[in-house]
Protein backbone atom coordinates (compact mmCIF):
# COMPACT_ATOMS: atom_id res chain seq x y z
CA MET A 1 2.07 6.47 4.73
CA GLN A 2 5.05 4.93 2.97
CA PRO A 3 7.29 6.85 0.53
CA LEU A 4 9.36 6.24 -2.59
CA THR A 5 11.81 8.90 -3.68
CA ILE A 6 13.06 9.18 -7.23
CA SER A 7 16.46 10.67 -7.88
CA ILE A 8 16.30 13.30 -10.60
CA THR A 9 19.25 14.48 -12.66
CA THR A 10 19.72 18.07 -13.75
CA THR A 11 18.44 17.28 -17.25
CA CYS A 12 15.33 15.58 -15.86
CA VAL A 13 14.71 18.54 -13.57
CA ILE A 14 14.76 20.97 -16.47
CA VAL A 15 12.30 18.81 -18.41
CA LEU A 16 9.99 18.52 -15.41
CA VAL A 17 10.14 22.26 -14.85
CA VAL A 18 8.72 22.77 -18.33
CA LEU A 19 6.05 20.14 -17.76
CA VAL A 20 4.86 21.02 -14.28
CA ASN A 21 5.62 24.71 -13.98
CA SER A 22 8.57 24.47 -11.63
CA SER A 23 6.91 21.97 -9.25
CA LEU A 24 8.87 18.73 -8.89
CA PHE A 25 7.19 15.52 -7.84
CA ASN A 26 8.25 13.53 -4.80
CA GLN A 27 6.31 10.24 -4.70
CA SER A 28 5.25 8.45 -1.52
CA PHE A 29 3.74 5.00 -0.72
CA ALA A 30 0.41 4.56 0.84
CA HIS A 31 -1.13 10.07 7.25
CA ASN A 32 -0.77 1.02 32.22
CA HIS A 33 -2.09 1.90 35.42
CA LYS A 34 1.36 2.54 36.84
CA LYS A 35 2.41 6.15 37.22
CA VAL A 36 5.26 6.98 34.85
CA GLN A 37 8.31 8.64 36.35
CA TYR A 38 9.93 11.00 33.86
CA PRO A 39 13.72 11.22 34.09
CA SER A 40 15.41 14.60 33.68
CA SER A 41 17.01 13.60 30.38
CA SER A 42 16.55 15.09 26.95
CA SER A 43 13.10 13.95 25.91
CA LEU A 44 10.07 15.28 24.15
CA VAL A 45 6.59 13.98 24.92
CA LEU A 46 3.91 14.96 22.44
CA GLY A 47 0.22 14.18 22.69
CA LEU A 48 -1.37 11.97 20.05
CA THR A 49 -5.03 11.96 19.16
CA HIS A 50 -6.77 9.45 16.96
CA SER A 51 -8.67 9.96 13.72
CA ARG A 52 -10.98 7.32 12.27
CA THR A 53 -11.64 6.34 8.68
CA PHE A 54 -12.90 3.42 6.64
CA LEU A 55 -10.91 4.38 3.58
CA PRO A 56 -7.65 2.50 3.00
CA ASN A 57 -4.63 4.73 3.39
CA VAL A 58 -1.75 2.72 1.99
CA VAL A 59 1.76 3.82 1.12
CA SER A 60 3.66 7.04 2.03
CA LYS A 61 7.03 8.45 0.87
CA LEU A 62 10.21 6.38 0.83
CA SER A 63 13.27 8.57 0.49
CA SER A 64 16.15 7.07 -1.48
CA ARG A 65 18.82 8.96 0.41
CA SER A 66 19.85 8.58 4.01
CA SER A 67 19.96 11.54 6.37
CA SER A 68 23.63 10.74 6.93
CA GLU A 69 24.30 12.37 3.55
CA TYR A 70 23.61 15.70 5.17
CA SER A 71 26.10 17.31 7.52
CA SER A 72 23.67 18.18 10.29
CA THR A 73 24.85 20.07 13.36
CA LEU A 74 21.61 19.52 15.26
CA LYS A 75 21.94 18.18 18.78
CA PRO A 76 19.15 16.71 20.94
CA LEU A 77 17.13 19.28 22.83
CA GLU A 78 18.69 20.29 26.12
CA MET A 79 15.49 20.57 28.07
CA LEU A 80 13.38 18.87 30.70
CA ASP A 81 10.92 16.16 29.65
CA MET A 82 8.34 17.47 27.22
CA LEU A 83 4.65 16.56 27.18
CA GLU A 84 1.84 17.36 24.75
CA PRO A 85 -1.32 15.34 23.98
CA LEU A 86 -1.72 13.02 20.99
CA ARG A 87 -5.39 12.97 19.91
CA GLU A 88 -7.54 10.59 17.91
CA VAL A 89 -9.61 11.77 14.93
CA ARG A 90 -10.69 10.62 11.47
CA ASP A 91 -7.97 8.89 9.48
CA GLY A 92 -5.20 8.81 12.09
CA TYR A 93 -3.58 10.32 15.16
CA LEU A 94 -3.00 14.03 15.59
CA ILE A 95 -0.39 16.17 17.28
CA SER A 96 -0.56 19.94 17.65
CA LEU A 97 2.25 22.05 16.19
CA LYS A 98 2.71 25.52 17.65
CA ILE A 99 4.35 27.52 14.88
CA GLY A 100 5.22 31.18 14.39
CA THR A 101 5.46 34.44 16.31
CA PRO A 102 2.88 34.76 17.78
CA GLN A 103 2.10 31.03 17.83
CA GLN A 104 -0.48 29.50 15.55
CA VAL A 105 -1.70 26.03 16.59
CA ILE A 106 -2.10 23.58 13.72
CA GLN A 107 -3.13 19.95 14.18
CA VAL A 108 -1.38 17.45 11.91
CA TYR A 109 -1.29 13.68 11.45
CA MET A 110 1.66 11.74 12.89
CA ASP A 111 3.12 9.65 10.02
CA THR A 112 6.05 7.26 10.46
CA GLY A 113 5.90 6.47 6.73
CA SER A 114 7.02 9.85 5.37
CA ASP A 115 9.56 12.59 6.09
CA LEU A 116 8.03 15.92 5.16
CA THR A 117 6.20 17.91 7.82
CA TRP A 118 3.65 20.23 6.21
CA VAL A 119 0.74 22.40 7.27
CA PRO A 120 -2.14 23.96 5.29
CA CYS A 121 -1.27 27.58 4.56
CA GLY A 122 -3.41 30.63 3.87
CA SER A 123 -6.69 31.14 5.72
CA LEU A 124 -8.45 32.16 2.49
CA SER A 125 -6.27 30.67 -0.22
CA PHE A 126 -5.86 27.06 1.00
CA ASP A 127 -7.66 24.78 -1.42
CA CYS A 128 -8.30 21.08 -0.91
CA ILE A 129 -9.82 19.22 -3.86
CA ASP A 130 -12.09 16.25 -3.09
CA CYS A 131 -12.16 17.04 0.64
CA ASP A 132 -15.90 17.68 1.02
CA ASP A 133 -16.15 15.53 4.15
CA TYR A 134 -13.83 17.95 5.95
CA LYS A 135 -15.26 21.29 4.81
CA ASN A 136 -16.82 22.09 8.19
CA SER A 137 -14.17 20.37 10.29
CA LYS A 138 -12.42 22.35 13.01
CA LEU A 139 -9.31 20.36 12.16
CA MET A 140 -8.85 22.34 8.97
CA ALA A 141 -7.04 25.21 10.71
CA THR A 142 -4.48 26.87 8.46
CA PHE A 143 -1.17 28.62 9.06
CA SER A 144 -0.77 32.23 7.87
CA PRO A 145 2.91 33.13 7.30
CA SER A 146 2.01 36.80 6.97
CA TYR A 147 0.83 36.82 10.59
CA SER A 148 4.16 35.50 11.88
CA SER A 149 7.07 37.91 12.29
CA SER A 150 9.56 35.01 12.28
CA SER A 151 8.37 33.28 9.09
CA MET A 152 10.63 33.13 6.02
CA ARG A 153 10.97 31.10 2.81
CA ASP A 154 13.73 28.49 2.77
CA LEU A 155 16.56 29.24 0.33
CA CYS A 156 17.45 27.18 -2.73
CA THR A 157 20.92 26.58 -1.24
CA SER A 158 19.40 24.68 1.69
CA SER A 159 19.96 20.91 1.90
CA PHE A 160 16.25 20.63 2.76
CA CYS A 161 15.44 22.24 -0.60
CA THR A 162 17.63 19.68 -2.36
CA ASP A 163 15.90 16.87 -0.48
CA ILE A 164 12.31 17.96 -1.18
CA HIS A 165 13.15 18.11 -4.89
CA SER A 166 14.70 14.61 -4.74
CA SER A 167 17.87 15.90 -6.29
CA ASP A 168 21.33 14.37 -6.12
CA ASN A 169 22.74 17.65 -7.43
CA TYR A 170 22.39 20.57 -5.02
CA TYR A 171 22.68 23.01 -7.95
CA ASP A 172 19.33 21.83 -9.36
CA PRO A 173 16.90 23.77 -7.12
CA CYS A 174 18.93 26.97 -7.52
CA THR A 175 18.98 26.50 -11.29
CA ILE A 176 15.20 26.23 -11.22
CA ALA A 177 15.04 29.33 -9.02
CA GLY A 178 16.91 31.30 -11.72
CA CYS A 179 20.22 31.81 -9.94
CA SER A 180 23.17 33.06 -11.97
CA LEU A 181 26.09 30.73 -12.66
CA VAL A 182 28.37 32.80 -10.42
CA THR A 183 26.08 32.52 -7.39
CA LEU A 184 25.50 28.84 -8.17
CA LEU A 185 29.22 28.09 -8.01
CA LYS A 186 29.68 30.17 -4.87
CA GLY A 187 26.57 28.77 -3.20
CA THR A 188 25.41 32.30 -2.40
CA CYS A 189 22.17 32.57 -4.38
CA PRO A 190 19.57 34.36 -2.21
CA ARG A 191 16.57 33.06 -4.17
CA PRO A 192 13.91 31.04 -2.35
CA CYS A 193 13.52 27.30 -2.79
CA PRO A 194 11.21 26.59 -5.76
CA SER A 195 7.70 25.30 -5.14
CA PHE A 196 7.41 21.53 -4.71
CA SER A 197 4.78 18.88 -5.34
CA TYR A 198 4.66 15.89 -2.99
CA THR A 199 2.63 12.82 -3.93
CA TYR A 200 1.30 10.10 -1.61
CA GLY A 201 0.72 6.60 -2.93
CA ALA A 202 -2.93 6.51 -1.83
CA GLY A 203 -3.55 9.27 -4.37
CA GLY A 204 -3.05 12.40 -2.28
CA VAL A 205 -0.98 15.32 -3.60
CA VAL A 206 0.23 18.47 -1.86
CA VAL A 207 1.79 21.54 -3.50
CA GLY A 208 3.59 24.24 -1.57
CA THR A 209 6.80 25.98 -0.58
CA LEU A 210 9.44 25.22 2.04
CA THR A 211 9.17 27.64 4.95
CA ARG A 212 11.15 28.22 8.14
CA ASP A 213 9.68 29.44 11.39
CA SER A 214 9.80 28.99 15.14
CA LEU A 215 8.36 25.76 16.59
CA ARG A 216 7.46 25.65 20.28
CA VAL A 217 7.46 22.43 22.29
CA HIS A 218 6.12 22.23 25.86
CA GLY A 219 7.13 20.24 28.91
CA SER A 220 5.20 18.14 31.41
CA ASP A 221 5.63 21.20 33.59
CA PRO A 222 3.60 23.88 31.73
CA SER A 223 6.23 26.46 32.65
CA VAL A 224 8.87 24.54 30.67
CA SER A 225 9.00 25.21 26.93
CA ARG A 226 11.50 25.77 24.19
CA ASP A 227 11.33 27.50 20.84
CA ILE A 228 13.07 25.70 17.99
CA SER A 229 14.15 28.45 15.63
CA SER A 230 14.27 27.96 11.88
CA PHE A 231 12.20 24.76 11.84
CA CYS A 232 11.67 23.76 8.19
CA PHE A 233 8.27 22.59 6.95
CA GLY A 234 6.06 22.65 3.90
CA CYS A 235 3.68 25.59 3.64
CA VAL A 236 1.01 24.01 1.45
CA GLY A 237 -1.55 26.08 -0.44
CA SER A 238 -3.38 23.37 -2.38
CA THR A 239 -3.90 19.63 -2.03
CA TYR A 240 -5.80 16.73 -3.49
CA ARG A 241 -7.45 14.51 -0.83
CA GLU A 242 -5.12 15.79 1.90
CA PRO A 243 -7.16 18.19 4.07
CA ILE A 244 -4.99 17.99 7.19
CA GLY A 245 -1.24 18.52 7.57
CA ILE A 246 1.27 15.76 8.34
CA ALA A 247 4.23 15.48 10.71
CA GLY A 248 6.74 13.15 9.06
CA PHE A 249 8.51 10.80 11.50
CA GLY A 250 10.78 9.00 9.04
CA LYS A 251 14.58 9.11 9.26
CA GLY A 252 15.12 11.65 6.47
CA PRO A 253 16.48 15.14 7.17
CA LEU A 254 13.08 16.85 6.84
CA SER A 255 11.38 14.69 9.47
CA LEU A 256 10.39 16.05 12.86
CA PRO A 257 12.69 13.75 14.92
CA SER A 258 15.57 14.51 12.55
CA GLN A 259 15.22 18.28 12.84
CA LEU A 260 14.90 18.03 16.63
CA GLY A 261 18.12 15.98 16.74
CA PHE A 262 16.65 12.74 18.09
CA LEU A 263 17.59 10.30 15.34
CA GLN A 264 20.24 8.66 17.54
CA LYS A 265 17.67 8.11 20.29
CA GLY A 266 14.11 7.18 19.39
CA PHE A 267 10.43 7.67 20.07
CA SER A 268 7.41 5.73 21.24
CA HIS A 269 3.64 5.93 21.03
CA CYS A 270 0.56 4.18 22.40
CA PHE A 271 -2.39 4.57 20.04
CA LEU A 272 -5.81 4.96 21.62
CA SER A 273 -8.65 2.64 20.69
CA PHE A 274 -10.93 3.85 17.89
CA LYS A 275 -13.77 4.26 20.39
CA TYR A 276 -12.05 7.46 21.54
CA ALA A 277 -12.07 8.99 18.05
CA ASN A 278 -12.92 12.70 18.13
CA ASN A 279 -13.00 12.75 21.94
CA PRO A 280 -11.04 15.89 22.92
CA ASN A 281 -10.82 14.79 26.56
CA ILE A 282 -8.82 11.61 25.96
CA SER A 283 -5.26 11.62 24.63
CA SER A 284 -2.17 9.44 24.71
CA PRO A 285 1.54 10.29 24.78
CA LEU A 286 3.95 10.42 21.89
CA VAL A 287 7.41 10.42 23.48
CA ILE A 288 10.63 11.51 21.77
CA GLY A 289 14.15 11.11 23.19
CA ASP A 290 15.70 9.28 26.16
CA LEU A 291 12.40 8.72 27.92
CA ALA A 292 11.03 6.83 24.93
CA ILE A 293 13.68 4.11 25.08
CA SER A 294 14.86 4.10 28.73
CA SER A 295 13.69 1.28 31.03
CA LYS A 296 12.11 -0.61 28.13
CA GLU A 297 14.11 -3.83 28.24
CA HIS A 298 11.00 -5.73 29.39
CA LEU A 299 9.42 -5.21 25.96
CA GLN A 300 9.76 -7.69 23.11
CA PHE A 301 12.08 -6.19 20.49
CA THR A 302 12.31 -7.16 16.84
CA PRO A 303 15.18 -5.83 14.70
CA MET A 304 14.63 -3.03 12.21
CA LEU A 305 15.38 -4.28 8.72
CA LYS A 306 17.54 -2.02 6.58
CA SER A 307 16.65 -1.41 2.97
CA LEU A 308 19.58 -0.04 0.99
CA MET A 309 17.13 1.53 -1.45
CA TYR A 310 14.78 3.05 1.14
CA PRO A 311 16.85 3.67 4.29
CA ASN A 312 14.64 6.34 5.87
CA TYR A 313 11.69 4.15 6.84
CA TYR A 314 10.92 1.53 9.44
CA TYR A 315 10.83 -2.10 8.33
CA ILE A 316 10.32 -5.23 10.42
CA GLY A 317 10.29 -8.91 9.45
CA LEU A 318 7.17 -11.08 9.72
CA GLU A 319 7.72 -14.84 10.04
CA ALA A 320 4.19 -16.16 10.55
CA ILE A 321 0.62 -15.38 11.63
CA SER A 322 -1.19 -17.83 13.88
CA VAL A 323 -4.96 -18.07 14.24
CA GLY A 324 -6.40 -19.26 17.54
CA ASN A 325 -4.50 -21.52 19.92
CA MET A 326 -3.97 -24.42 17.55
CA SER A 327 -0.39 -25.00 16.49
CA SER A 328 -1.70 -26.24 13.15
CA ALA A 329 -3.42 -22.89 12.46
CA VAL A 330 -0.23 -21.11 11.49
CA VAL A 331 0.05 -19.35 8.15
CA GLU A 332 3.65 -19.28 6.97
CA VAL A 333 4.52 -16.02 5.32
CA PRO A 334 6.45 -15.54 2.07
CA SER A 335 10.13 -14.68 2.44
CA ASN A 336 9.64 -11.19 0.98
CA LEU A 337 7.93 -10.14 4.23
CA ARG A 338 11.29 -10.47 6.00
CA ASP A 339 13.83 -10.00 3.18
CA PHE A 340 14.60 -7.47 0.45
CA ASP A 341 15.37 -8.12 -3.19
CA SER A 342 18.26 -6.49 -5.06
CA GLN A 343 16.09 -3.42 -5.80
CA GLY A 344 15.20 -2.89 -2.14
CA ASN A 345 11.63 -4.19 -2.44
CA GLY A 346 10.14 -6.33 0.32
CA GLY A 347 9.94 -6.28 4.09
CA MET A 348 7.00 -5.19 6.23
CA LEU A 349 6.71 -1.44 6.70
CA ILE A 350 5.39 -0.30 10.09
CA ASP A 351 3.43 2.84 9.30
CA SER A 352 1.19 5.05 11.44
CA GLY A 353 -0.02 6.79 8.26
CA THR A 354 -1.59 3.61 6.84
CA THR A 355 -4.82 2.73 8.60
CA TYR A 356 -5.08 -1.02 8.04
CA THR A 357 -2.51 -3.80 7.82
CA HIS A 358 -1.91 -4.90 4.22
CA LEU A 359 -0.64 -8.36 3.28
CA PRO A 360 0.54 -9.67 -0.10
CA GLN A 361 -1.26 -12.27 -2.22
CA PRO A 362 -1.61 -15.25 -2.11
CA PHE A 363 -0.63 -15.13 1.57
CA TYR A 364 -3.53 -12.77 2.33
CA SER A 365 -6.09 -15.19 0.87
CA LYS A 366 -4.61 -18.09 2.89
CA PHE A 367 -4.95 -15.98 6.03
CA LEU A 368 -8.60 -15.24 5.23
CA SER A 369 -9.31 -18.93 4.59
CA MET A 370 -7.73 -19.92 7.89
CA LEU A 371 -9.84 -17.38 9.78
CA ASP A 372 -13.06 -18.31 8.03
CA SER A 373 -12.50 -22.01 8.72
CA VAL A 374 -12.52 -21.51 12.49
CA ILE A 375 -15.26 -18.85 12.78
CA THR A 376 -18.76 -20.31 13.17
CA TYR A 377 -20.78 -17.11 12.83
CA PRO A 378 -22.73 -16.57 9.58
CA ARG A 379 -21.15 -14.31 6.96
CA SER A 380 -22.69 -10.95 6.05
CA THR A 381 -22.01 -10.74 2.33
CA GLU A 382 -24.12 -7.59 2.16
CA HIS A 383 -21.67 -5.73 4.42
CA GLU A 384 -18.72 -7.20 2.54
CA ARG A 385 -20.05 -5.73 -0.71
CA ARG A 386 -20.90 -2.40 0.88
CA THR A 387 -17.70 -1.83 2.85
CA GLY A 388 -15.14 -3.54 0.63
CA PHE A 389 -13.83 -5.61 3.53
CA ASP A 390 -13.38 -9.32 2.86
CA LEU A 391 -14.75 -11.03 5.99
CA CYS A 392 -17.85 -9.75 7.80
CA TYR A 393 -19.84 -11.78 10.35
CA LYS A 394 -23.21 -11.53 12.07
CA ILE A 395 -22.47 -11.84 15.78
CA PRO A 396 -25.26 -12.31 18.35
CA CYS A 397 -25.37 -9.71 21.13
CA LEU A 398 -27.66 -9.64 24.15
CA ASN A 399 -30.12 -6.75 24.55
CA ASN A 400 -28.66 -5.02 21.48
CA ILE A 401 -25.60 -3.97 23.50
CA ASN A 402 -22.13 -4.09 21.99
CA SER A 403 -19.91 -5.92 24.47
CA HIS A 404 -16.48 -7.53 24.25
CA GLU A 405 -18.18 -10.70 25.48
CA ASP A 406 -19.62 -10.96 21.97
CA ASP A 407 -16.08 -11.61 20.70
CA ILE A 408 -15.56 -14.71 22.83
CA ASN A 409 -15.89 -17.07 19.86
CA LEU A 410 -13.68 -15.02 17.54
CA PRO A 411 -10.19 -16.55 17.25
CA SER A 412 -7.08 -14.78 18.43
CA VAL A 413 -4.60 -13.50 15.85
CA THR A 414 -0.89 -13.46 16.71
CA PHE A 415 1.88 -11.86 14.64
CA HIS A 416 5.24 -13.63 14.90
CA PHE A 417 8.05 -11.19 14.11
CA LEU A 418 11.78 -11.85 13.85
CA ASN A 419 13.71 -12.52 17.10
CA ASN A 420 10.83 -14.61 18.55
CA VAL A 421 8.61 -11.57 19.10
CA ASN A 422 4.98 -12.66 19.40
CA LEU A 423 2.27 -9.98 19.42
CA THR A 424 -1.28 -11.19 20.06
CA LEU A 425 -3.58 -8.46 18.81
CA PRO A 426 -6.53 -7.25 20.90
CA LYS A 427 -9.64 -8.54 19.08
CA GLU A 428 -10.94 -5.02 18.55
CA ASN A 429 -7.76 -4.42 16.53
CA TYR A 430 -8.90 -6.67 13.71
CA PHE A 431 -12.69 -7.19 13.98
CA TYR A 432 -14.65 -3.95 14.16
CA ALA A 433 -18.38 -3.22 14.46
CA MET A 434 -19.89 -1.77 11.28
CA GLY A 435 -22.65 0.03 13.17
CA ALA A 436 -24.99 -0.30 16.11
CA PRO A 437 -26.58 -3.66 17.00
CA SER A 438 -29.88 -4.47 15.31
CA ASN A 439 -32.26 -7.33 16.15
CA SER A 440 -29.75 -8.60 18.72
CA THR A 441 -27.12 -8.93 16.00
CA LEU A 442 -23.92 -7.00 15.47
CA VAL A 443 -21.95 -7.11 12.21
CA LYS A 444 -18.16 -7.05 12.58
CA CYS A 445 -15.67 -6.99 9.72
CA LEU A 446 -12.02 -7.94 9.50
CA LEU A 447 -10.01 -4.74 9.00
CA PHE A 448 -7.11 -6.18 7.00
CA GLN A 449 -6.58 -5.58 3.30
CA SER A 450 -4.67 -7.04 0.39
CA MET A 451 -1.47 -5.32 -0.72
CA GLU A 452 -2.18 -3.94 -4.16
CA ASP A 453 1.34 -4.45 -5.54
CA GLY A 454 3.54 -6.69 -3.43
CA ASP A 455 6.30 -6.69 -6.06
CA TYR A 456 7.09 -2.98 -5.68
CA GLY A 457 8.10 -1.22 -2.48
CA PRO A 458 7.21 -2.95 0.79
CA ALA A 459 5.69 -6.42 0.59
CA GLY A 460 3.31 -5.57 3.44
CA VAL A 461 2.34 -2.79 5.84
CA PHE A 462 1.64 -3.00 9.58
CA GLY A 463 -1.00 -0.28 9.94
CA SER A 464 -2.14 1.92 12.82
CA PHE A 465 -5.46 0.12 13.40
CA GLN A 466 -3.59 -3.01 14.42
CA GLN A 467 -1.32 -0.93 16.71
CA GLN A 468 -4.13 0.26 19.00
CA ASN A 469 -3.57 -0.35 22.72
CA VAL A 470 0.01 -1.43 22.04
CA GLU A 471 3.03 0.53 23.22
CA VAL A 472 5.38 0.70 20.24
CA VAL A 473 8.98 1.77 20.88
CA TYR A 474 11.28 2.88 18.05
CA ASP A 475 14.76 2.37 19.52
CA LEU A 476 16.83 4.11 16.86
CA ASN A 477 20.00 3.74 18.91
CA LYS A 478 19.85 -0.07 18.73
CA ASP A 479 17.88 -0.35 15.46
CA ARG A 480 14.96 -2.25 16.91
CA ILE A 481 11.22 -1.87 17.51
CA GLY A 482 9.53 -3.03 20.71
CA PHE A 483 5.94 -4.03 21.43
CA GLN A 484 3.89 -4.30 24.60
CA PRO A 485 0.06 -4.58 24.84
CA MET A 486 -1.25 -1.77 27.03
CA ASP A 487 -4.42 0.14 27.85
CA CYS A 488 -3.37 3.37 26.18
CA ALA A 489 -6.21 5.41 27.69
CA SER A 490 -5.10 4.44 31.21
CA ALA A 491 -1.44 4.98 30.35
CA SER A 492 -2.19 8.53 29.28
């Protein structure tokens, strides 16, 4: 998901308090076969699992303030390499958070397009509106603060409280909390941080309170673990279209890497193919720290673009997309996919919380035309109407068996990023079967979508579906992102 943070003055805060009952709104854009040798450096390896959906999940939360504004004393974890599985489910990739004393295990989406980490709270009181598809899902585990002896509300004097309320004035949250002027000036008000409301661009909303508790991370050696005391997260009691919690991996102070002290290092992931969705026996690693970026010079690295307006999120520059092996089949991209305007709009956001890659118009239509001109299979307009995807084809398959051999006549698609980085996508990363074969025919649709508003926020989004079976390395030390095609199931 991709985020947009709005700075709110004290006057605006007071007005919003009256309007929304002390809940401020924070808007977001639209949740190898070689054995790996783990060095004994400070690293955290978390397990990712995948979640599948056919609903577009565009735009998360772009924070307008850099984490450098906060005087953090966090240092990277002094521990052996850490390992936990990353699983695949509906809508994204999951990691398990072990929170509280005793521990409660809550599965949450990994989202590079937002900062806030939040979990559903209250076994009886958690309410998710318009989440009927998840009502019987085992993923809807909730956290109960009353069952944890180490749980406590964050205070209004906390910098995290200021951040979640998008305030440039650290007095604002304490004013809302009802602190006296004397305690405001001294910074000693003991009142808890006021409730917040956090909005995602795809339409989701979460409402909750900032909470602190112990977070346990485990090592590749099961006997190695460490408890992170006073980890700050959102304890969410009600949501709209957000049934499962989210671990924010942006660069803001509330994000998981930021609170663990790894912002000067980096992280990497290798997303499993969608065919492993909801398979509890297959996982892939999410690595945080030295291990994520060490010995990676063989990867192709493209520079991270820096938006002065939205510094906490990960942008890359797209120069072209080529279709097939013909040099003439290259679609030149508009400049706003590699540059920002004076308001900080533009660039391509790389976002694990957005399912499909989104491209701006009219570039998107040119890309579709180029693909359609070289594909000889008949179109399935019925599936295009039913699914909302723009290109669906009827592909012959022998004996009604879905095989990659069926894709032989589908053209390759290569993304050309800045610094001569060329990433040829696996074909299953852009054409996907819309069901089982029937009458020796399989319908596959292109899983790209048009950017709804390319003039505001990012011009495009590189989504998680197109990142399957690709090792993606976020080298935050050198401000670059690396790519390498890989069989993520084997690498796990």
